Amino acid sequence: MKNTAQVCRTPRLIILNLSLLTTVAFAAGPKNPTSKLYNADLEGQSEIDTGERIDDIRNKSVHNAQGTIIESKTNSNNSMVFSNSTGVFLDEDTRLEVQQFSQEPFTPNRTDLETEPSISQTRNYIPRGRVGICAPRMVAGSSIVYATPHGIRRNSRKKGRGGISIF
């Protein structure tokens, strides 16, 4: 069994690289890069349910994030980046339900990769498994909520004040 601390520890350099890849992928891909999910790295097999169909996840694939369900299989994991520059690592046998992901438009060719590109609202549910999350500096008005059957991890920034609350 893997140590949870090892699974959740994601070096900042990797997230910056994932953010750069995401910016390049979104700039080359859809004209509106907001509210997207980019699969940056995959080991093994994972599936994505978009509400219309269930597909195997491929490396460097881009999906609309709102309402999707991502599941990693046994002996598999994947790393994804939301278009607000939040990096998420899903360990094996993990299910992530994107209940809400909305984001204001932004210019995809930005240079500040440590700060969120625009205001976003994220609400995800993890009924099973383990995730590692690396969020950028959030802009005022944004919020990120990750809920599990055992509790909620919330990060929000309102008018210059930031903070994390655990319930």
N, C-alpha and C. Protein backbone atom coordinates (compact mmCIF):
# COMPACT_ATOMS: atom_id res chain seq x y z
N MET A 1 0.85 -1.19 0.00
CA MET A 1 0.00 0.00 0.00
C MET A 1 0.89 1.24 0.00
N LYS A 2 0.53 2.20 -0.80
CA LYS A 2 1.31 3.43 -0.92
C LYS A 2 1.04 4.37 0.24
N ASN A 3 2.05 5.11 0.60
CA ASN A 3 1.92 6.12 1.64
C ASN A 3 1.16 7.31 1.06
N THR A 4 0.09 7.73 1.74
CA THR A 4 -0.74 8.83 1.26
C THR A 4 0.07 10.11 1.08
N ALA A 5 1.02 10.34 1.97
CA ALA A 5 1.85 11.56 1.86
C ALA A 5 2.66 11.54 0.57
N GLN A 6 3.17 10.34 0.18
CA GLN A 6 3.93 10.25 -1.05
C GLN A 6 3.04 10.50 -2.26
N VAL A 7 1.83 9.97 -2.24
CA VAL A 7 0.91 10.12 -3.37
C VAL A 7 0.52 11.58 -3.55
N CYS A 8 0.27 12.28 -2.44
CA CYS A 8 -0.23 13.66 -2.52
C CYS A 8 0.86 14.69 -2.71
N ARG A 9 2.11 14.30 -2.58
CA ARG A 9 3.21 15.23 -2.73
C ARG A 9 3.51 15.43 -4.21
N THR A 10 3.15 16.57 -4.78
CA THR A 10 3.40 16.86 -6.19
C THR A 10 4.34 18.05 -6.27
N PRO A 11 5.54 17.84 -6.81
CA PRO A 11 6.49 18.96 -6.87
C PRO A 11 5.93 20.13 -7.67
N ARG A 12 6.22 21.32 -7.21
CA ARG A 12 5.74 22.55 -7.85
C ARG A 12 6.22 22.64 -9.30
N LEU A 13 7.43 22.17 -9.57
CA LEU A 13 7.96 22.23 -10.93
C LEU A 13 7.10 21.41 -11.89
N ILE A 14 6.65 20.24 -11.45
CA ILE A 14 5.80 19.41 -12.31
C ILE A 14 4.50 20.14 -12.61
N ILE A 15 3.88 20.75 -11.61
CA ILE A 15 2.63 21.46 -11.83
C ILE A 15 2.85 22.63 -12.78
N LEU A 16 3.97 23.35 -12.64
CA LEU A 16 4.26 24.45 -13.56
C LEU A 16 4.42 23.93 -14.98
N ASN A 17 5.10 22.77 -15.12
CA ASN A 17 5.24 22.17 -16.44
C ASN A 17 3.88 21.75 -16.99
N LEU A 18 3.03 21.18 -16.13
CA LEU A 18 1.68 20.79 -16.56
C LEU A 18 0.89 22.03 -16.96
N SER A 19 1.05 23.12 -16.20
CA SER A 19 0.34 24.35 -16.54
C SER A 19 0.81 24.88 -17.89
N LEU A 20 2.11 24.80 -18.14
CA LEU A 20 2.63 25.25 -19.42
C LEU A 20 2.10 24.39 -20.55
N LEU A 21 2.09 23.06 -20.35
CA LEU A 21 1.53 22.16 -21.35
C LEU A 21 0.06 22.47 -21.60
N THR A 22 -0.66 22.73 -20.54
CA THR A 22 -2.08 23.04 -20.66
C THR A 22 -2.28 24.32 -21.45
N THR A 23 -1.50 25.35 -21.15
CA THR A 23 -1.62 26.61 -21.86
C THR A 23 -1.35 26.40 -23.35
N VAL A 24 -0.32 25.63 -23.67
CA VAL A 24 0.01 25.35 -25.06
C VAL A 24 -1.12 24.55 -25.71
N ALA A 25 -1.62 23.53 -25.02
CA ALA A 25 -2.68 22.68 -25.58
C ALA A 25 -3.95 23.48 -25.80
N PHE A 26 -4.32 24.33 -24.85
CA PHE A 26 -5.54 25.12 -25.00
C PHE A 26 -5.36 26.18 -26.08
N ALA A 27 -4.15 26.73 -26.19
CA ALA A 27 -3.91 27.75 -27.21
C ALA A 27 -3.99 27.13 -28.61
N ALA A 28 -3.50 25.91 -28.75
CA ALA A 28 -3.51 25.25 -30.05
C ALA A 28 -4.86 24.61 -30.35
N GLY A 29 -5.64 24.36 -29.32
CA GLY A 29 -6.90 23.64 -29.49
C GLY A 29 -8.10 24.55 -29.57
N PRO A 30 -9.06 24.37 -28.67
CA PRO A 30 -10.30 25.13 -28.74
C PRO A 30 -10.08 26.63 -28.61
N LYS A 31 -10.95 27.42 -29.27
CA LYS A 31 -10.82 28.87 -29.19
C LYS A 31 -11.21 29.39 -27.82
N ASN A 32 -12.10 28.70 -27.14
CA ASN A 32 -12.49 29.10 -25.78
C ASN A 32 -11.89 28.07 -24.81
N PRO A 33 -10.75 28.39 -24.19
CA PRO A 33 -10.08 27.40 -23.35
C PRO A 33 -10.66 27.25 -21.94
N THR A 34 -11.76 27.93 -21.63
CA THR A 34 -12.27 27.89 -20.27
C THR A 34 -13.08 26.64 -19.99
N SER A 35 -13.11 26.29 -18.70
CA SER A 35 -13.88 25.15 -18.19
C SER A 35 -13.49 23.83 -18.84
N LYS A 36 -12.20 23.66 -19.09
CA LYS A 36 -11.68 22.45 -19.73
C LYS A 36 -10.84 21.65 -18.75
N LEU A 37 -10.62 20.39 -19.12
CA LEU A 37 -9.81 19.46 -18.36
C LEU A 37 -8.83 18.83 -19.33
N TYR A 38 -7.54 18.93 -19.03
CA TYR A 38 -6.49 18.41 -19.90
C TYR A 38 -5.82 17.24 -19.19
N ASN A 39 -5.79 16.07 -19.83
CA ASN A 39 -5.12 14.91 -19.25
C ASN A 39 -3.65 14.96 -19.66
N ALA A 40 -2.77 15.22 -18.71
CA ALA A 40 -1.36 15.43 -19.00
C ALA A 40 -0.54 14.15 -18.99
N ASP A 41 -0.89 13.21 -18.11
CA ASP A 41 -0.09 11.99 -18.00
C ASP A 41 -0.98 10.86 -17.51
N LEU A 42 -0.80 9.69 -18.08
CA LEU A 42 -1.61 8.52 -17.74
C LEU A 42 -0.73 7.30 -17.65
N GLU A 43 -0.87 6.57 -16.55
CA GLU A 43 -0.22 5.26 -16.42
C GLU A 43 -1.33 4.25 -16.19
N GLY A 44 -1.43 3.26 -17.05
CA GLY A 44 -2.49 2.26 -16.93
C GLY A 44 -3.74 2.71 -17.67
N GLN A 45 -4.89 2.47 -17.04
CA GLN A 45 -6.15 2.78 -17.71
C GLN A 45 -7.06 3.61 -16.81
N SER A 46 -7.66 4.63 -17.41
CA SER A 46 -8.65 5.46 -16.73
C SER A 46 -9.78 5.73 -17.72
N GLU A 47 -10.97 6.00 -17.18
CA GLU A 47 -12.13 6.29 -18.02
C GLU A 47 -12.70 7.65 -17.67
N ILE A 48 -13.36 8.25 -18.67
CA ILE A 48 -14.06 9.51 -18.45
C ILE A 48 -15.48 9.36 -18.95
N ASP A 49 -16.42 9.73 -18.10
CA ASP A 49 -17.84 9.71 -18.44
C ASP A 49 -18.27 11.16 -18.60
N THR A 50 -18.61 11.55 -19.83
CA THR A 50 -18.98 12.93 -20.12
C THR A 50 -20.48 13.17 -20.02
N GLY A 51 -21.24 12.13 -19.68
CA GLY A 51 -22.69 12.24 -19.64
C GLY A 51 -23.32 11.76 -20.94
N GLU A 52 -22.56 11.85 -22.02
CA GLU A 52 -23.02 11.38 -23.32
C GLU A 52 -22.43 10.01 -23.64
N ARG A 53 -21.19 9.79 -23.20
CA ARG A 53 -20.52 8.51 -23.46
C ARG A 53 -19.38 8.30 -22.49
N ILE A 54 -18.94 7.05 -22.39
CA ILE A 54 -17.81 6.69 -21.55
C ILE A 54 -16.67 6.29 -22.47
N ASP A 55 -15.50 6.94 -22.28
CA ASP A 55 -14.33 6.67 -23.12
C ASP A 55 -13.12 6.39 -22.25
N ASP A 56 -12.16 5.67 -22.82
CA ASP A 56 -10.86 5.54 -22.19
C ASP A 56 -10.15 6.89 -22.32
N ILE A 57 -9.46 7.30 -21.26
CA ILE A 57 -8.72 8.55 -21.31
C ILE A 57 -7.42 8.31 -22.06
N ARG A 58 -7.06 9.25 -22.91
CA ARG A 58 -5.81 9.22 -23.65
C ARG A 58 -4.93 10.36 -23.15
N ASN A 59 -3.62 10.17 -23.24
CA ASN A 59 -2.69 11.25 -22.91
C ASN A 59 -2.94 12.45 -23.81
N LYS A 60 -2.78 13.62 -23.23
CA LYS A 60 -2.91 14.89 -23.95
C LYS A 60 -4.29 15.10 -24.56
N SER A 61 -5.32 14.55 -23.92
CA SER A 61 -6.68 14.76 -24.40
C SER A 61 -7.33 15.91 -23.62
N VAL A 62 -8.22 16.64 -24.27
CA VAL A 62 -8.91 17.78 -23.67
C VAL A 62 -10.40 17.48 -23.64
N HIS A 63 -11.04 17.76 -22.49
CA HIS A 63 -12.47 17.49 -22.32
C HIS A 63 -13.13 18.68 -21.64
N ASN A 64 -14.41 18.86 -21.87
CA ASN A 64 -15.19 19.80 -21.06
C ASN A 64 -15.24 19.20 -19.66
N ALA A 65 -14.95 20.00 -18.65
CA ALA A 65 -14.86 19.48 -17.29
C ALA A 65 -16.22 19.33 -16.60
N GLN A 66 -17.11 20.28 -16.83
CA GLN A 66 -18.40 20.32 -16.13
C GLN A 66 -19.16 18.99 -16.29
N GLY A 67 -19.49 18.35 -15.17
CA GLY A 67 -20.32 17.16 -15.18
C GLY A 67 -19.62 15.86 -15.52
N THR A 68 -18.31 15.88 -15.68
CA THR A 68 -17.62 14.64 -16.04
C THR A 68 -17.29 13.83 -14.79
N ILE A 69 -17.12 12.53 -15.01
CA ILE A 69 -16.70 11.60 -13.96
C ILE A 69 -15.46 10.89 -14.48
N ILE A 70 -14.38 10.95 -13.71
CA ILE A 70 -13.12 10.33 -14.09
C ILE A 70 -12.84 9.21 -13.11
N GLU A 71 -12.50 8.03 -13.64
CA GLU A 71 -12.17 6.89 -12.78
C GLU A 71 -10.85 6.28 -13.22
N SER A 72 -9.94 6.13 -12.27
CA SER A 72 -8.70 5.42 -12.54
C SER A 72 -8.90 3.97 -12.09
N LYS A 73 -8.34 3.05 -12.85
CA LYS A 73 -8.49 1.62 -12.58
C LYS A 73 -7.36 1.13 -11.67
N THR A 74 -7.40 -0.16 -11.31
CA THR A 74 -6.36 -0.78 -10.49
C THR A 74 -5.01 -0.66 -11.19
N ASN A 75 -3.97 -0.39 -10.42
CA ASN A 75 -2.61 -0.22 -10.91
C ASN A 75 -2.50 0.88 -11.97
N SER A 76 -3.31 1.91 -11.85
CA SER A 76 -3.31 3.03 -12.79
C SER A 76 -3.35 4.34 -12.02
N ASN A 77 -2.90 5.40 -12.66
CA ASN A 77 -3.04 6.75 -12.12
C ASN A 77 -2.97 7.73 -13.27
N ASN A 78 -3.48 8.92 -13.04
CA ASN A 78 -3.36 9.94 -14.06
C ASN A 78 -3.26 11.32 -13.44
N SER A 79 -2.63 12.21 -14.21
CA SER A 79 -2.44 13.60 -13.80
C SER A 79 -3.18 14.48 -14.78
N MET A 80 -3.99 15.39 -14.24
CA MET A 80 -4.81 16.26 -15.07
C MET A 80 -4.61 17.70 -14.63
N VAL A 81 -4.91 18.62 -15.54
CA VAL A 81 -4.86 20.03 -15.22
C VAL A 81 -6.16 20.66 -15.69
N PHE A 82 -6.84 21.35 -14.77
CA PHE A 82 -8.02 22.12 -15.13
C PHE A 82 -7.55 23.41 -15.79
N SER A 83 -8.39 24.03 -16.59
CA SER A 83 -8.00 25.24 -17.30
C SER A 83 -7.74 26.43 -16.38
N ASN A 84 -8.04 26.30 -15.08
CA ASN A 84 -7.68 27.36 -14.14
C ASN A 84 -6.32 27.10 -13.51
N SER A 85 -5.55 26.16 -14.09
CA SER A 85 -4.18 25.80 -13.68
C SER A 85 -4.11 24.94 -12.43
N THR A 86 -5.23 24.36 -11.98
CA THR A 86 -5.20 23.45 -10.85
C THR A 86 -4.79 22.07 -11.34
N GLY A 87 -3.72 21.53 -10.77
CA GLY A 87 -3.25 20.19 -11.11
C GLY A 87 -3.87 19.18 -10.16
N VAL A 88 -4.31 18.04 -10.70
CA VAL A 88 -4.92 16.99 -9.89
C VAL A 88 -4.30 15.65 -10.28
N PHE A 89 -3.83 14.90 -9.28
CA PHE A 89 -3.30 13.56 -9.46
C PHE A 89 -4.31 12.58 -8.90
N LEU A 90 -4.76 11.62 -9.70
CA LEU A 90 -5.66 10.56 -9.24
C LEU A 90 -4.87 9.28 -9.07
N ASP A 91 -4.85 8.75 -7.85
CA ASP A 91 -4.19 7.48 -7.58
C ASP A 91 -5.07 6.34 -8.10
N GLU A 92 -4.60 5.12 -7.99
CA GLU A 92 -5.37 3.98 -8.48
C GLU A 92 -6.71 3.83 -7.76
N ASP A 93 -7.68 3.26 -8.46
CA ASP A 93 -9.03 3.02 -7.93
C ASP A 93 -9.65 4.29 -7.34
N THR A 94 -9.55 5.38 -8.06
CA THR A 94 -10.09 6.66 -7.59
C THR A 94 -11.19 7.12 -8.54
N ARG A 95 -12.23 7.71 -7.95
CA ARG A 95 -13.33 8.28 -8.73
C ARG A 95 -13.45 9.76 -8.38
N LEU A 96 -13.41 10.61 -9.40
CA LEU A 96 -13.55 12.05 -9.24
C LEU A 96 -14.76 12.50 -10.03
N GLU A 97 -15.73 13.13 -9.35
CA GLU A 97 -16.94 13.64 -9.99
C GLU A 97 -16.86 15.16 -10.01
N VAL A 98 -16.79 15.74 -11.21
CA VAL A 98 -16.73 17.19 -11.36
C VAL A 98 -18.17 17.70 -11.35
N GLN A 99 -18.62 18.11 -10.19
CA GLN A 99 -20.00 18.57 -10.04
C GLN A 99 -20.19 19.96 -10.62
N GLN A 100 -19.17 20.82 -10.47
CA GLN A 100 -19.22 22.16 -11.05
C GLN A 100 -17.81 22.60 -11.40
N PHE A 101 -17.65 23.10 -12.60
CA PHE A 101 -16.41 23.77 -12.97
C PHE A 101 -16.76 24.83 -14.00
N SER A 102 -16.82 26.05 -13.54
CA SER A 102 -17.12 27.17 -14.43
C SER A 102 -16.00 28.19 -14.30
N GLN A 103 -15.70 28.83 -15.40
CA GLN A 103 -14.57 29.75 -15.42
C GLN A 103 -14.85 30.87 -16.41
N GLU A 104 -14.45 32.07 -16.03
CA GLU A 104 -14.59 33.21 -16.93
C GLU A 104 -13.56 33.12 -18.05
N PRO A 105 -13.85 33.68 -19.21
CA PRO A 105 -12.91 33.64 -20.33
C PRO A 105 -11.57 34.30 -19.98
N PHE A 106 -10.52 33.85 -20.66
CA PHE A 106 -9.20 34.42 -20.49
C PHE A 106 -8.41 34.22 -21.78
N THR A 107 -7.30 34.94 -21.90
CA THR A 107 -6.42 34.81 -23.06
C THR A 107 -5.49 33.62 -22.82
N PRO A 108 -5.46 32.63 -23.72
CA PRO A 108 -4.67 31.43 -23.47
C PRO A 108 -3.16 31.63 -23.53
N ASN A 109 -2.66 32.69 -24.14
CA ASN A 109 -1.21 32.89 -24.24
C ASN A 109 -0.71 33.81 -23.14
N ARG A 110 -0.90 33.39 -21.91
CA ARG A 110 -0.48 34.20 -20.77
C ARG A 110 0.92 33.78 -20.33
N THR A 111 1.59 34.60 -19.51
CA THR A 111 2.94 34.29 -19.07
C THR A 111 3.03 33.97 -17.59
N ASP A 112 2.09 34.42 -16.77
CA ASP A 112 2.11 34.16 -15.33
C ASP A 112 1.41 32.83 -15.06
N LEU A 113 2.20 31.75 -14.92
CA LEU A 113 1.62 30.42 -14.75
C LEU A 113 1.39 30.04 -13.30
N GLU A 114 1.80 30.90 -12.36
CA GLU A 114 1.58 30.59 -10.95
C GLU A 114 0.27 31.14 -10.44
N THR A 115 -0.39 32.00 -11.20
CA THR A 115 -1.65 32.60 -10.79
C THR A 115 -2.76 32.10 -11.70
N GLU A 116 -3.90 31.86 -11.11
CA GLU A 116 -5.07 31.43 -11.87
C GLU A 116 -5.38 32.44 -12.97
N PRO A 117 -5.72 31.98 -14.19
CA PRO A 117 -5.92 32.92 -15.31
C PRO A 117 -7.20 33.74 -15.23
N SER A 118 -8.24 33.25 -14.56
CA SER A 118 -9.50 33.99 -14.45
C SER A 118 -10.32 33.41 -13.30
N ILE A 119 -11.37 34.10 -12.91
CA ILE A 119 -12.23 33.65 -11.81
C ILE A 119 -12.86 32.32 -12.18
N SER A 120 -12.83 31.37 -11.22
CA SER A 120 -13.43 30.06 -11.47
C SER A 120 -14.12 29.55 -10.21
N GLN A 121 -15.08 28.67 -10.43
CA GLN A 121 -15.80 28.01 -9.34
C GLN A 121 -15.67 26.51 -9.57
N THR A 122 -15.09 25.81 -8.59
CA THR A 122 -14.88 24.37 -8.71
C THR A 122 -15.53 23.66 -7.53
N ARG A 123 -16.30 22.62 -7.82
CA ARG A 123 -16.87 21.76 -6.77
C ARG A 123 -16.75 20.32 -7.26
N ASN A 124 -15.88 19.55 -6.61
CA ASN A 124 -15.63 18.16 -6.98
C ASN A 124 -15.96 17.24 -5.81
N TYR A 125 -16.37 16.01 -6.15
CA TYR A 125 -16.69 15.01 -5.14
C TYR A 125 -15.84 13.77 -5.40
N ILE A 126 -15.24 13.24 -4.36
CA ILE A 126 -14.40 12.05 -4.46
C ILE A 126 -15.00 10.98 -3.55
N PRO A 127 -15.86 10.08 -4.11
CA PRO A 127 -16.48 9.05 -3.28
C PRO A 127 -15.51 7.96 -2.84
N ARG A 128 -14.40 7.77 -3.60
CA ARG A 128 -13.40 6.77 -3.20
C ARG A 128 -12.05 7.12 -3.83
N GLY A 129 -11.00 6.67 -3.17
CA GLY A 129 -9.66 6.84 -3.72
C GLY A 129 -8.88 7.96 -3.06
N ARG A 130 -7.77 8.31 -3.71
CA ARG A 130 -6.87 9.34 -3.20
C ARG A 130 -6.49 10.28 -4.33
N VAL A 131 -6.43 11.57 -4.00
CA VAL A 131 -6.03 12.58 -4.97
C VAL A 131 -4.97 13.49 -4.36
N GLY A 132 -4.16 14.05 -5.22
CA GLY A 132 -3.23 15.10 -4.84
C GLY A 132 -3.63 16.34 -5.62
N ILE A 133 -3.70 17.47 -4.96
CA ILE A 133 -4.17 18.70 -5.59
C ILE A 133 -3.12 19.79 -5.41
N CYS A 134 -2.81 20.49 -6.49
CA CYS A 134 -1.91 21.63 -6.42
C CYS A 134 -2.61 22.79 -7.12
N ALA A 135 -3.04 23.76 -6.33
CA ALA A 135 -3.81 24.89 -6.87
C ALA A 135 -2.91 26.11 -7.02
N PRO A 136 -3.18 26.92 -8.03
CA PRO A 136 -2.41 28.16 -8.21
C PRO A 136 -2.88 29.20 -7.22
N ARG A 137 -2.21 30.35 -7.21
CA ARG A 137 -2.73 31.48 -6.44
C ARG A 137 -4.05 31.86 -7.08
N MET A 138 -5.09 31.86 -6.30
CA MET A 138 -6.43 32.12 -6.83
C MET A 138 -6.70 33.62 -6.89
N VAL A 139 -7.46 34.01 -7.90
CA VAL A 139 -7.86 35.41 -8.02
C VAL A 139 -9.11 35.63 -7.16
N ALA A 140 -9.35 36.87 -6.78
CA ALA A 140 -10.51 37.20 -5.94
C ALA A 140 -11.80 36.75 -6.62
N GLY A 141 -12.66 36.09 -5.85
CA GLY A 141 -13.94 35.61 -6.36
C GLY A 141 -13.95 34.14 -6.72
N SER A 142 -12.80 33.48 -6.70
CA SER A 142 -12.72 32.06 -7.04
C SER A 142 -12.90 31.17 -5.82
N SER A 143 -13.33 29.94 -6.06
CA SER A 143 -13.41 28.96 -4.97
C SER A 143 -13.16 27.57 -5.51
N ILE A 144 -12.57 26.73 -4.65
CA ILE A 144 -12.33 25.32 -4.95
C ILE A 144 -12.83 24.53 -3.76
N VAL A 145 -13.70 23.55 -4.01
CA VAL A 145 -14.22 22.69 -2.96
C VAL A 145 -14.04 21.24 -3.39
N TYR A 146 -13.40 20.45 -2.55
CA TYR A 146 -13.28 19.00 -2.75
C TYR A 146 -13.98 18.33 -1.57
N ALA A 147 -15.00 17.55 -1.88
CA ALA A 147 -15.76 16.86 -0.83
C ALA A 147 -15.53 15.35 -0.95
N THR A 148 -15.55 14.69 0.18
CA THR A 148 -15.46 13.23 0.26
C THR A 148 -16.57 12.77 1.19
N PRO A 149 -16.80 11.47 1.30
CA PRO A 149 -17.79 11.00 2.28
C PRO A 149 -17.42 11.36 3.71
N HIS A 150 -16.16 11.74 3.95
CA HIS A 150 -15.68 12.02 5.31
C HIS A 150 -15.50 13.50 5.62
N GLY A 151 -15.57 14.37 4.62
CA GLY A 151 -15.39 15.79 4.90
C GLY A 151 -15.20 16.61 3.64
N ILE A 152 -14.95 17.90 3.84
CA ILE A 152 -14.80 18.84 2.73
C ILE A 152 -13.52 19.64 2.93
N ARG A 153 -12.79 19.84 1.84
CA ARG A 153 -11.62 20.72 1.84
C ARG A 153 -11.99 21.90 0.95
N ARG A 154 -11.96 23.09 1.50
CA ARG A 154 -12.42 24.27 0.77
C ARG A 154 -11.31 25.32 0.75
N ASN A 155 -11.10 25.92 -0.42
CA ASN A 155 -10.14 27.00 -0.58
C ASN A 155 -10.85 28.09 -1.36
N SER A 156 -10.88 29.28 -0.83
CA SER A 156 -11.55 30.36 -1.56
C SER A 156 -10.81 31.67 -1.34
N ARG A 157 -11.05 32.59 -2.24
CA ARG A 157 -10.43 33.90 -2.10
C ARG A 157 -11.50 34.93 -2.43
N LYS A 158 -11.77 35.78 -1.45
CA LYS A 158 -12.79 36.81 -1.63
C LYS A 158 -12.18 38.17 -1.38
N LYS A 159 -12.18 38.99 -2.39
CA LYS A 159 -11.73 40.38 -2.30
C LYS A 159 -10.43 40.55 -1.54
N GLY A 160 -9.40 39.84 -2.02
CA GLY A 160 -8.08 40.02 -1.43
C GLY A 160 -7.77 39.17 -0.24
N ARG A 161 -8.78 38.49 0.33
CA ARG A 161 -8.51 37.62 1.47
C ARG A 161 -8.55 36.19 0.99
N GLY A 162 -7.59 35.41 1.40
CA GLY A 162 -7.55 34.00 1.03
C GLY A 162 -7.60 33.16 2.27
N GLY A 163 -7.90 31.91 2.11
CA GLY A 163 -7.89 31.03 3.26
C GLY A 163 -8.38 29.66 2.91
N ILE A 164 -8.07 28.73 3.77
CA ILE A 164 -8.53 27.35 3.60
C ILE A 164 -9.30 26.96 4.84
N SER A 165 -10.44 26.36 4.63
CA SER A 165 -11.27 25.87 5.73
C SER A 165 -11.50 24.39 5.57
N ILE A 166 -11.43 23.66 6.63
CA ILE A 166 -11.72 22.22 6.60
C ILE A 166 -12.94 21.98 7.47
N PHE A 167 -13.92 21.30 6.92
CA PHE A 167 -15.16 21.02 7.65
C PHE A 167 -15.31 19.53 7.83
